[in-house]
């Protein structure tokens, strides 16, 4: 569901007629894991890692951790491709993590 929402959001953002003087492009990072819910908000390492994955991208990109790609295991729709971008060192994370780009067609 998160992947479908990310793809739909990027498509909507790209199809909008932004003013030429202020184009807007967003980057999205997806990571799968457990989050703690407190007072209607989510907290924890999973959210921090999703933010780090997002920070590795640029406007218009959807990036996903290897954990997310593994969790999808064949559930990716034919209109979406997953491209491996290799392992990256992200701020605040000791080990390098594999990053993938989601490419809506």
Protein backbone atom coordinates (compact mmCIF):
# COMPACT_ATOMS: atom_id res chain seq x y z
CA UNK A 1 0.00 0.00 0.00
CA UNK A 2 2.87 2.40 0.79
CA UNK A 3 4.48 1.75 -2.58
CA UNK A 4 1.18 2.33 -4.42
CA UNK A 5 0.62 5.56 -2.47
CA UNK A 6 4.16 6.78 -3.26
CA UNK A 7 3.72 6.08 -6.99
CA UNK A 8 0.32 7.78 -7.06
CA UNK A 9 1.70 10.81 -5.20
CA UNK A 10 4.66 11.18 -7.59
CA UNK A 11 2.39 10.84 -10.62
CA UNK A 12 0.02 13.48 -9.26
CA UNK A 13 2.91 15.83 -8.48
CA UNK A 14 4.42 15.40 -11.95
CA UNK A 15 1.12 15.90 -13.76
CA UNK A 16 0.31 19.15 -11.94
CA UNK A 17 0.89 22.38 -13.88
CA UNK A 18 3.33 24.14 -11.54
CA UNK A 19 4.23 27.75 -12.21
CA UNK A 20 7.53 27.88 -14.13
CA UNK A 21 9.09 30.11 -11.47
CA UNK A 22 8.40 27.61 -8.69
CA UNK A 23 8.45 24.02 -9.89
CA UNK A 24 7.97 21.50 -7.12
CA UNK A 25 9.39 17.98 -6.99
CA UNK A 26 9.32 15.71 -3.96
CA UNK A 27 11.47 12.77 -2.97
CA UNK A 28 10.06 9.73 -1.18
CA UNK A 29 11.89 7.15 0.92
CA UNK A 30 10.40 3.78 1.86
CA UNK A 31 11.66 1.44 4.56
CA UNK A 32 9.92 -1.51 6.16
CA UNK A 33 10.08 -2.24 9.87
CA UNK A 34 8.39 -1.81 13.23
CA UNK A 35 7.42 1.63 14.48
CA UNK A 36 6.14 2.68 17.87
CA UNK A 37 2.88 4.62 18.02
CA UNK A 38 2.50 7.31 20.68
CA UNK A 39 -0.17 10.00 20.90
CA UNK A 40 -1.25 9.47 17.29
CA UNK A 41 2.31 9.71 15.90
CA UNK A 42 4.89 7.11 14.93
CA UNK A 43 8.44 6.97 16.28
CA UNK A 44 11.48 4.73 16.08
CA UNK A 45 14.42 3.50 14.07
CA UNK A 46 12.20 2.53 11.11
CA UNK A 47 11.09 6.12 10.58
CA UNK A 48 14.65 7.38 10.98
CA UNK A 49 15.84 4.90 8.37
CA UNK A 50 13.03 5.85 5.96
CA UNK A 51 14.09 9.50 6.34
CA UNK A 52 17.71 8.58 5.60
CA UNK A 53 16.68 6.60 2.51
CA UNK A 54 14.65 9.61 1.34
CA UNK A 55 17.58 11.96 1.92
CA UNK A 56 19.70 9.92 -0.52
CA UNK A 57 17.39 10.91 -3.37
CA UNK A 58 16.50 13.97 -5.35
CA UNK A 59 13.16 15.53 -6.25
CA UNK A 60 11.04 13.18 -8.32
CA UNK A 61 12.61 9.98 -6.99
CA UNK A 62 11.07 7.16 -5.00
CA UNK A 63 13.78 5.23 -3.15
CA UNK A 64 13.30 2.04 -1.16
CA UNK A 65 15.52 0.09 1.20
CA UNK A 66 16.35 -3.54 0.51
CA UNK A 67 14.05 -4.45 3.43
CA UNK A 68 11.12 -2.89 1.59
CA UNK A 69 12.00 -4.50 -1.74
CA UNK A 70 12.30 -7.87 0.01
CA UNK A 71 8.93 -7.38 1.75
CA UNK A 72 7.29 -6.76 -1.64
CA UNK A 73 8.54 -10.17 -2.88
CA UNK A 74 6.67 -10.36 -6.16
CA UNK A 75 3.84 -8.00 -5.19
CA UNK A 76 5.18 -5.22 -7.43
CA UNK A 77 2.71 -4.34 -10.17
CA UNK A 78 3.87 -4.69 -13.78
CA UNK A 79 3.66 -0.89 -14.21
CA UNK A 80 6.52 -0.43 -11.71
CA UNK A 81 10.16 -1.43 -12.09
CA UNK A 82 12.70 -1.68 -9.27
CA UNK A 83 16.29 -0.69 -10.07
CA UNK A 84 19.14 -1.49 -7.68
CA UNK A 85 21.33 1.56 -7.02
CA UNK A 86 23.92 -0.26 -4.91
CA UNK A 87 24.93 0.07 -1.29
CA UNK A 88 25.21 3.51 0.26
CA UNK A 89 26.44 4.93 3.52
CA UNK A 90 23.71 7.07 5.05
CA UNK A 91 24.13 9.59 7.85
CA UNK A 92 23.63 8.10 11.28
CA UNK A 93 23.62 4.48 10.07
CA UNK A 94 26.77 2.46 10.76
CA UNK A 95 26.40 -0.14 8.02
CA UNK A 96 25.97 0.52 4.31
CA UNK A 97 22.47 -0.24 3.06
CA UNK A 98 21.22 -1.25 -0.36
CA UNK A 99 19.06 1.39 -2.03
CA UNK A 100 16.61 0.75 -4.86
CA UNK A 101 14.75 3.19 -7.07
CA UNK A 102 11.08 2.65 -7.89
CA UNK A 103 10.45 3.52 -11.53
CA UNK A 104 6.78 3.95 -12.42
CA UNK A 105 6.15 3.33 -16.11
